[in-house]
Amino acid sequence: STRYADSVKGRFAISRDNVKTTVYLQM
C-alpha cells in the first residue's frame, strides 16, 4: 500500500522489493 504527498501525486511512484529489501522512488 502506498501514500503520496499531494505535491508529487501522479509524478512520483514508490515501490519496494522485499527480496532485495530495497525501496525505490521513481521521480
PDB file of all heavy atoms in Angstrom:
ATOM      1  N   SER A   1       0.835  -1.191   0.000  1.00  0.00           N
ATOM      2  CA  SER A   1       0.000   0.000   0.000  1.00  0.00           C
ATOM      3  C   SER A   1       0.871   1.242   0.000  1.00  0.00           C
ATOM      4  O   SER A   1       1.896   1.288   0.680  1.00  0.00           O
ATOM      5  CB  SER A   1      -0.921   0.006   1.215  1.00  0.00           C
ATOM      6  OG  SER A   1      -1.823  -1.084   1.177  1.00  0.00           O
ATOM      7  N   THR A   2       0.455   2.244  -0.737  1.00  0.00           N
ATOM      8  CA  THR A   2       1.250   3.454  -0.890  1.00  0.00           C
ATOM      9  C   THR A   2       0.477   4.689  -0.466  1.00  0.00           C
ATOM     10  O   THR A   2      -0.757   4.706  -0.428  1.00  0.00           O
ATOM     11  CB  THR A   2       1.711   3.634  -2.341  1.00  0.00           C
ATOM     12  OG1 THR A   2       0.567   3.698  -3.203  1.00  0.00           O
ATOM     13  CG2 THR A   2       2.593   2.477  -2.775  1.00  0.00           C
ATOM     14  N   ARG A   3       1.221   5.722  -0.168  1.00  0.00           N
ATOM     15  CA  ARG A   3       0.664   7.012   0.203  1.00  0.00           C
ATOM     16  C   ARG A   3       1.586   8.090  -0.339  1.00  0.00           C
ATOM     17  O   ARG A   3       2.811   7.957  -0.261  1.00  0.00           O
ATOM     18  CB  ARG A   3       0.526   7.108   1.725  1.00  0.00           C
ATOM     19  CG  ARG A   3      -0.114   8.373   2.234  1.00  0.00           C
ATOM     20  CD  ARG A   3      -1.625   8.332   2.106  1.00  0.00           C
ATOM     21  NE  ARG A   3      -2.231   9.495   2.743  1.00  0.00           N
ATOM     22  CZ  ARG A   3      -2.622   9.553   4.008  1.00  0.00           C
ATOM     23  NH1 ARG A   3      -2.489   8.482   4.788  1.00  0.00           N
ATOM     24  NH2 ARG A   3      -3.156  10.655   4.489  1.00  0.00           N
ATOM     25  N   TYR A   4       1.007   9.153  -0.893  1.00  0.00           N
ATOM     26  CA  TYR A   4       1.790  10.215  -1.501  1.00  0.00           C
ATOM     27  C   TYR A   4       1.375  11.586  -1.018  1.00  0.00           C
ATOM     28  O   TYR A   4       0.201  11.823  -0.706  1.00  0.00           O
ATOM     29  CB  TYR A   4       1.651  10.188  -3.024  1.00  0.00           C
ATOM     30  CG  TYR A   4       2.163   8.934  -3.678  1.00  0.00           C
ATOM     31  CD1 TYR A   4       1.310   7.865  -3.938  1.00  0.00           C
ATOM     32  CD2 TYR A   4       3.495   8.818  -4.044  1.00  0.00           C
ATOM     33  CE1 TYR A   4       1.776   6.716  -4.542  1.00  0.00           C
ATOM     34  CE2 TYR A   4       3.972   7.669  -4.649  1.00  0.00           C
ATOM     35  CZ  TYR A   4       3.110   6.623  -4.894  1.00  0.00           C
ATOM     36  OH  TYR A   4       3.589   5.481  -5.493  1.00  0.00           O
ATOM     37  N   ALA A   5       2.334  12.473  -0.987  1.00  0.00           N
ATOM     38  CA  ALA A   5       2.022  13.869  -0.770  1.00  0.00           C
ATOM     39  C   ALA A   5       1.351  14.418  -2.022  1.00  0.00           C
ATOM     40  O   ALA A   5       1.645  13.986  -3.140  1.00  0.00           O
ATOM     41  CB  ALA A   5       3.290  14.659  -0.466  1.00  0.00           C
ATOM     42  N   ASP A   6       0.449  15.356  -1.839  1.00  0.00           N
ATOM     43  CA  ASP A   6      -0.267  15.925  -2.977  1.00  0.00           C
ATOM     44  C   ASP A   6       0.687  16.541  -4.004  1.00  0.00           C
ATOM     45  O   ASP A   6       0.417  16.511  -5.207  1.00  0.00           O
ATOM     46  CB  ASP A   6      -1.260  16.981  -2.504  1.00  0.00           C
ATOM     47  CG  ASP A   6      -2.447  16.391  -1.776  1.00  0.00           C
ATOM     48  OD1 ASP A   6      -2.704  15.179  -1.928  1.00  0.00           O
ATOM     49  OD2 ASP A   6      -3.125  17.139  -1.055  1.00  0.00           O
ATOM     50  N   SER A   7       1.779  17.080  -3.535  1.00  0.00           N
ATOM     51  CA  SER A   7       2.707  17.770  -4.413  1.00  0.00           C
ATOM     52  C   SER A   7       3.408  16.851  -5.412  1.00  0.00           C
ATOM     53  O   SER A   7       3.909  17.320  -6.436  1.00  0.00           O
ATOM     54  CB  SER A   7       3.761  18.519  -3.585  1.00  0.00           C
ATOM     55  OG  SER A   7       4.495  17.623  -2.767  1.00  0.00           O
ATOM     56  N   VAL A   8       3.434  15.552  -5.124  1.00  0.00           N
ATOM     57  CA  VAL A   8       4.125  14.621  -6.014  1.00  0.00           C
ATOM     58  C   VAL A   8       3.201  13.589  -6.622  1.00  0.00           C
ATOM     59  O   VAL A   8       3.631  12.789  -7.465  1.00  0.00           O
ATOM     60  CB  VAL A   8       5.276  13.901  -5.286  1.00  0.00           C
ATOM     61  CG1 VAL A   8       6.222  14.909  -4.666  1.00  0.00           C
ATOM     62  CG2 VAL A   8       4.739  12.940  -4.232  1.00  0.00           C
ATOM     63  N   LYS A   9       1.951  13.598  -6.230  1.00  0.00           N
ATOM     64  CA  LYS A   9       0.991  12.618  -6.716  1.00  0.00           C
ATOM     65  C   LYS A   9       0.872  12.686  -8.236  1.00  0.00           C
ATOM     66  O   LYS A   9       0.706  13.753  -8.815  1.00  0.00           O
ATOM     67  CB  LYS A   9      -0.368  12.858  -6.057  1.00  0.00           C
ATOM     68  CG  LYS A   9      -1.297  11.659  -6.064  1.00  0.00           C
ATOM     69  CD  LYS A   9      -2.507  11.903  -5.156  1.00  0.00           C
ATOM     70  CE  LYS A   9      -2.098  12.116  -3.709  1.00  0.00           C
ATOM     71  NZ  LYS A   9      -3.268  12.315  -2.816  1.00  0.00           N
ATOM     72  N   GLY A  10       0.979  11.533  -8.872  1.00  0.00           N
ATOM     73  CA  GLY A  10       0.908  11.465 -10.318  1.00  0.00           C
ATOM     74  C   GLY A  10       2.250  11.591 -10.997  1.00  0.00           C
ATOM     75  O   GLY A  10       2.373  11.285 -12.190  1.00  0.00           O
ATOM     76  N   ARG A  11       3.256  12.046 -10.270  1.00  0.00           N
ATOM     77  CA  ARG A  11       4.592  12.205 -10.831  1.00  0.00           C
ATOM     78  C   ARG A  11       5.593  11.223 -10.244  1.00  0.00           C
ATOM     79  O   ARG A  11       6.483  10.744 -10.943  1.00  0.00           O
ATOM     80  CB  ARG A  11       5.107  13.628 -10.609  1.00  0.00           C
ATOM     81  CG  ARG A  11       4.256  14.707 -11.256  1.00  0.00           C
ATOM     82  CD  ARG A  11       4.935  16.072 -11.170  1.00  0.00           C
ATOM     83  NE  ARG A  11       5.140  16.498  -9.786  1.00  0.00           N
ATOM     84  CZ  ARG A  11       6.328  16.770  -9.260  1.00  0.00           C
ATOM     85  NH1 ARG A  11       7.438  16.660  -9.996  1.00  0.00           N
ATOM     86  NH2 ARG A  11       6.433  17.167  -7.998  1.00  0.00           N
ATOM     87  N   PHE A  12       5.454  10.944  -8.957  1.00  0.00           N
ATOM     88  CA  PHE A  12       6.371  10.042  -8.266  1.00  0.00           C
ATOM     89  C   PHE A  12       5.688   8.714  -8.000  1.00  0.00           C
ATOM     90  O   PHE A  12       4.468   8.646  -7.837  1.00  0.00           O
ATOM     91  CB  PHE A  12       6.817  10.633  -6.929  1.00  0.00           C
ATOM     92  CG  PHE A  12       7.714  11.833  -7.030  1.00  0.00           C
ATOM     93  CD1 PHE A  12       7.956  12.468  -8.235  1.00  0.00           C
ATOM     94  CD2 PHE A  12       8.326  12.329  -5.888  1.00  0.00           C
ATOM     95  CE1 PHE A  12       8.782  13.579  -8.316  1.00  0.00           C
ATOM     96  CE2 PHE A  12       9.160  13.434  -5.951  1.00  0.00           C
ATOM     97  CZ  PHE A  12       9.385  14.063  -7.169  1.00  0.00           C
ATOM     98  N   ALA A  13       6.472   7.660  -7.929  1.00  0.00           N
ATOM     99  CA  ALA A  13       5.955   6.345  -7.592  1.00  0.00           C
ATOM    100  C   ALA A  13       6.917   5.638  -6.653  1.00  0.00           C
ATOM    101  O   ALA A  13       8.105   5.514  -6.960  1.00  0.00           O
ATOM    102  CB  ALA A  13       5.729   5.508  -8.846  1.00  0.00           C
ATOM    103  N   ILE A  14       6.415   5.207  -5.520  1.00  0.00           N
ATOM    104  CA  ILE A  14       7.227   4.461  -4.568  1.00  0.00           C
ATOM    105  C   ILE A  14       6.936   2.979  -4.722  1.00  0.00           C
ATOM    106  O   ILE A  14       5.806   2.576  -4.981  1.00  0.00           O
ATOM    107  CB  ILE A  14       6.966   4.930  -3.120  1.00  0.00           C
ATOM    108  CG1 ILE A  14       7.970   4.304  -2.156  1.00  0.00           C
ATOM    109  CG2 ILE A  14       5.530   4.626  -2.700  1.00  0.00           C
ATOM    110  CD1 ILE A  14       7.902   4.885  -0.744  1.00  0.00           C
ATOM    111  N   SER A  15       7.958   2.171  -4.575  1.00  0.00           N
ATOM    112  CA  SER A  15       7.792   0.732  -4.660  1.00  0.00           C
ATOM    113  C   SER A  15       8.809   0.055  -3.762  1.00  0.00           C
ATOM    114  O   SER A  15       9.774   0.692  -3.319  1.00  0.00           O
ATOM    115  CB  SER A  15       7.940   0.241  -6.105  1.00  0.00           C
ATOM    116  OG  SER A  15       9.229   0.539  -6.610  1.00  0.00           O
ATOM    117  N   ARG A  16       8.594  -1.204  -3.486  1.00  0.00           N
ATOM    118  CA  ARG A  16       9.537  -1.928  -2.645  1.00  0.00           C
ATOM    119  C   ARG A  16       9.792  -3.307  -3.216  1.00  0.00           C
ATOM    120  O   ARG A  16       8.945  -3.899  -3.874  1.00  0.00           O
ATOM    121  CB  ARG A  16       9.036  -2.017  -1.193  1.00  0.00           C
ATOM    122  CG  ARG A  16       8.197  -3.247  -0.842  1.00  0.00           C
ATOM    123  CD  ARG A  16       6.783  -3.160  -1.380  1.00  0.00           C
ATOM    124  NE  ARG A  16       5.929  -4.175  -0.776  1.00  0.00           N
ATOM    125  CZ  ARG A  16       5.131  -4.992  -1.448  1.00  0.00           C
ATOM    126  NH1 ARG A  16       5.044  -4.897  -2.779  1.00  0.00           N
ATOM    127  NH2 ARG A  16       4.396  -5.889  -0.809  1.00  0.00           N
ATOM    128  N   ASP A  17      10.985  -3.814  -2.968  1.00  0.00           N
ATOM    129  CA  ASP A  17      11.397  -5.152  -3.342  1.00  0.00           C
ATOM    130  C   ASP A  17      11.739  -5.869  -2.043  1.00  0.00           C
ATOM    131  O   ASP A  17      12.769  -5.601  -1.435  1.00  0.00           O
ATOM    132  CB  ASP A  17      12.602  -5.114  -4.289  1.00  0.00           C
ATOM    133  CG  ASP A  17      12.983  -6.484  -4.812  1.00  0.00           C
ATOM    134  OD1 ASP A  17      12.838  -7.480  -4.072  1.00  0.00           O
ATOM    135  OD2 ASP A  17      13.438  -6.575  -5.962  1.00  0.00           O
ATOM    136  N   ASN A  18      10.864  -6.759  -1.615  1.00  0.00           N
ATOM    137  CA  ASN A  18      11.048  -7.418  -0.329  1.00  0.00           C
ATOM    138  C   ASN A  18      12.222  -8.390  -0.327  1.00  0.00           C
ATOM    139  O   ASN A  18      12.797  -8.668   0.722  1.00  0.00           O
ATOM    140  CB  ASN A  18       9.770  -8.143   0.089  1.00  0.00           C
ATOM    141  CG  ASN A  18       8.649  -7.195   0.425  1.00  0.00           C
ATOM    142  OD1 ASN A  18       8.276  -6.340  -0.380  1.00  0.00           O
ATOM    143  ND2 ASN A  18       8.096  -7.337   1.626  1.00  0.00           N
ATOM    144  N   VAL A  19      12.561  -8.919  -1.495  1.00  0.00           N
ATOM    145  CA  VAL A  19      13.693  -9.838  -1.588  1.00  0.00           C
ATOM    146  C   VAL A  19      15.002  -9.080  -1.441  1.00  0.00           C
ATOM    147  O   VAL A  19      15.907  -9.497  -0.720  1.00  0.00           O
ATOM    148  CB  VAL A  19      13.672 -10.615  -2.911  1.00  0.00           C
ATOM    149  CG1 VAL A  19      14.915 -11.493  -3.033  1.00  0.00           C
ATOM    150  CG2 VAL A  19      12.418 -11.461  -3.005  1.00  0.00           C
ATOM    151  N   LYS A  20      15.111  -7.963  -2.139  1.00  0.00           N
ATOM    152  CA  LYS A  20      16.306  -7.134  -2.065  1.00  0.00           C
ATOM    153  C   LYS A  20      16.287  -6.190  -0.874  1.00  0.00           C
ATOM    154  O   LYS A  20      17.278  -5.507  -0.619  1.00  0.00           O
ATOM    155  CB  LYS A  20      16.463  -6.318  -3.347  1.00  0.00           C
ATOM    156  CG  LYS A  20      16.716  -7.149  -4.586  1.00  0.00           C
ATOM    157  CD  LYS A  20      16.883  -6.259  -5.809  1.00  0.00           C
ATOM    158  CE  LYS A  20      17.185  -7.079  -7.042  1.00  0.00           C
ATOM    159  NZ  LYS A  20      17.339  -6.223  -8.248  1.00  0.00           N
ATOM    160  N   THR A  21      15.171  -6.159  -0.158  1.00  0.00           N
ATOM    161  CA  THR A  21      14.957  -5.230   0.957  1.00  0.00           C
ATOM    162  C   THR A  21      15.358  -3.818   0.551  1.00  0.00           C
ATOM    163  O   THR A  21      16.129  -3.143   1.245  1.00  0.00           O
ATOM    164  CB  THR A  21      15.701  -5.676   2.240  1.00  0.00           C
ATOM    165  OG1 THR A  21      17.118  -5.723   2.026  1.00  0.00           O
ATOM    166  CG2 THR A  21      15.205  -7.038   2.681  1.00  0.00           C
ATOM    167  N   THR A  22      14.814  -3.398  -0.568  1.00  0.00           N
ATOM    168  CA  THR A  22      15.109  -2.092  -1.114  1.00  0.00           C
ATOM    169  C   THR A  22      13.816  -1.392  -1.502  1.00  0.00           C
ATOM    170  O   THR A  22      12.893  -2.026  -2.018  1.00  0.00           O
ATOM    171  CB  THR A  22      16.021  -2.204  -2.345  1.00  0.00           C
ATOM    172  OG1 THR A  22      17.261  -2.816  -1.977  1.00  0.00           O
ATOM    173  CG2 THR A  22      16.304  -0.838  -2.943  1.00  0.00           C
ATOM    174  N   VAL A  23      13.757  -0.116  -1.238  1.00  0.00           N
ATOM    175  CA  VAL A  23      12.625   0.694  -1.640  1.00  0.00           C
ATOM    176  C   VAL A  23      13.093   1.707  -2.676  1.00  0.00           C
ATOM    177  O   VAL A  23      14.229   2.197  -2.608  1.00  0.00           O
ATOM    178  CB  VAL A  23      11.971   1.385  -0.421  1.00  0.00           C
ATOM    179  CG1 VAL A  23      12.933   2.368   0.230  1.00  0.00           C
ATOM    180  CG2 VAL A  23      10.681   2.079  -0.833  1.00  0.00           C
ATOM    181  N   TYR A  24      12.234   2.005  -3.628  1.00  0.00           N
ATOM    182  CA  TYR A  24      12.580   2.901  -4.716  1.00  0.00           C
ATOM    183  C   TYR A  24      11.630   4.085  -4.770  1.00  0.00           C
ATOM    184  O   TYR A  24      10.486   4.016  -4.331  1.00  0.00           O
ATOM    185  CB  TYR A  24      12.523   2.169  -6.057  1.00  0.00           C
ATOM    186  CG  TYR A  24      13.354   0.916  -6.107  1.00  0.00           C
ATOM    187  CD1 TYR A  24      12.784  -0.326  -5.835  1.00  0.00           C
ATOM    188  CD2 TYR A  24      14.706   0.973  -6.421  1.00  0.00           C
ATOM    189  CE1 TYR A  24      13.545  -1.484  -5.873  1.00  0.00           C
ATOM    190  CE2 TYR A  24      15.473  -0.176  -6.463  1.00  0.00           C
ATOM    191  CZ  TYR A  24      14.891  -1.400  -6.192  1.00  0.00           C
ATOM    192  OH  TYR A  24      15.656  -2.547  -6.230  1.00  0.00           O
ATOM    193  N   LEU A  25      12.117   5.156  -5.323  1.00  0.00           N
ATOM    194  CA  LEU A  25      11.275   6.310  -5.605  1.00  0.00           C
ATOM    195  C   LEU A  25      11.539   6.730  -7.037  1.00  0.00           C
ATOM    196  O   LEU A  25      12.588   7.304  -7.336  1.00  0.00           O
ATOM    197  CB  LEU A  25      11.561   7.470  -4.647  1.00  0.00           C
ATOM    198  CG  LEU A  25      10.639   8.682  -4.801  1.00  0.00           C
ATOM    199  CD1 LEU A  25       9.214   8.320  -4.387  1.00  0.00           C
ATOM    200  CD2 LEU A  25      11.149   9.860  -3.978  1.00  0.00           C
ATOM    201  N   GLN A  26      10.600   6.414  -7.909  1.00  0.00           N
ATOM    202  CA  GLN A  26      10.691   6.824  -9.302  1.00  0.00           C
ATOM    203  C   GLN A  26      10.111   8.221  -9.419  1.00  0.00           C
ATOM    204  O   GLN A  26       8.939   8.437  -9.110  1.00  0.00           O
ATOM    205  CB  GLN A  26       9.925   5.860 -10.203  1.00  0.00           C
ATOM    206  CG  GLN A  26       9.933   6.231 -11.679  1.00  0.00           C
ATOM    207  CD  GLN A  26      11.312   6.167 -12.294  1.00  0.00           C
ATOM    208  OE1 GLN A  26      12.021   5.176 -12.106  1.00  0.00           O
ATOM    209  NE2 GLN A  26      11.706   7.212 -13.015  1.00  0.00           N
ATOM    210  N   MET A  27      10.919   9.158  -9.855  1.00  0.00           N
ATOM    211  CA  MET A  27      10.513  10.542  -9.951  1.00  0.00           C
ATOM    212  C   MET A  27      10.480  10.957 -11.414  1.00  0.00           C
ATOM    213  O   MET A  27      11.505  10.931 -12.093  1.00  0.00           O
ATOM    214  CB  MET A  27      11.458  11.446  -9.165  1.00  0.00           C
ATOM    215  CG  MET A  27      11.620  11.043  -7.699  1.00  0.00           C
ATOM    216  SD  MET A  27      12.647  12.193  -6.766  1.00  0.00           S
ATOM    217  CE  MET A  27      14.234  11.917  -7.568  1.00  0.00           C
TER     218      MET A  27
END
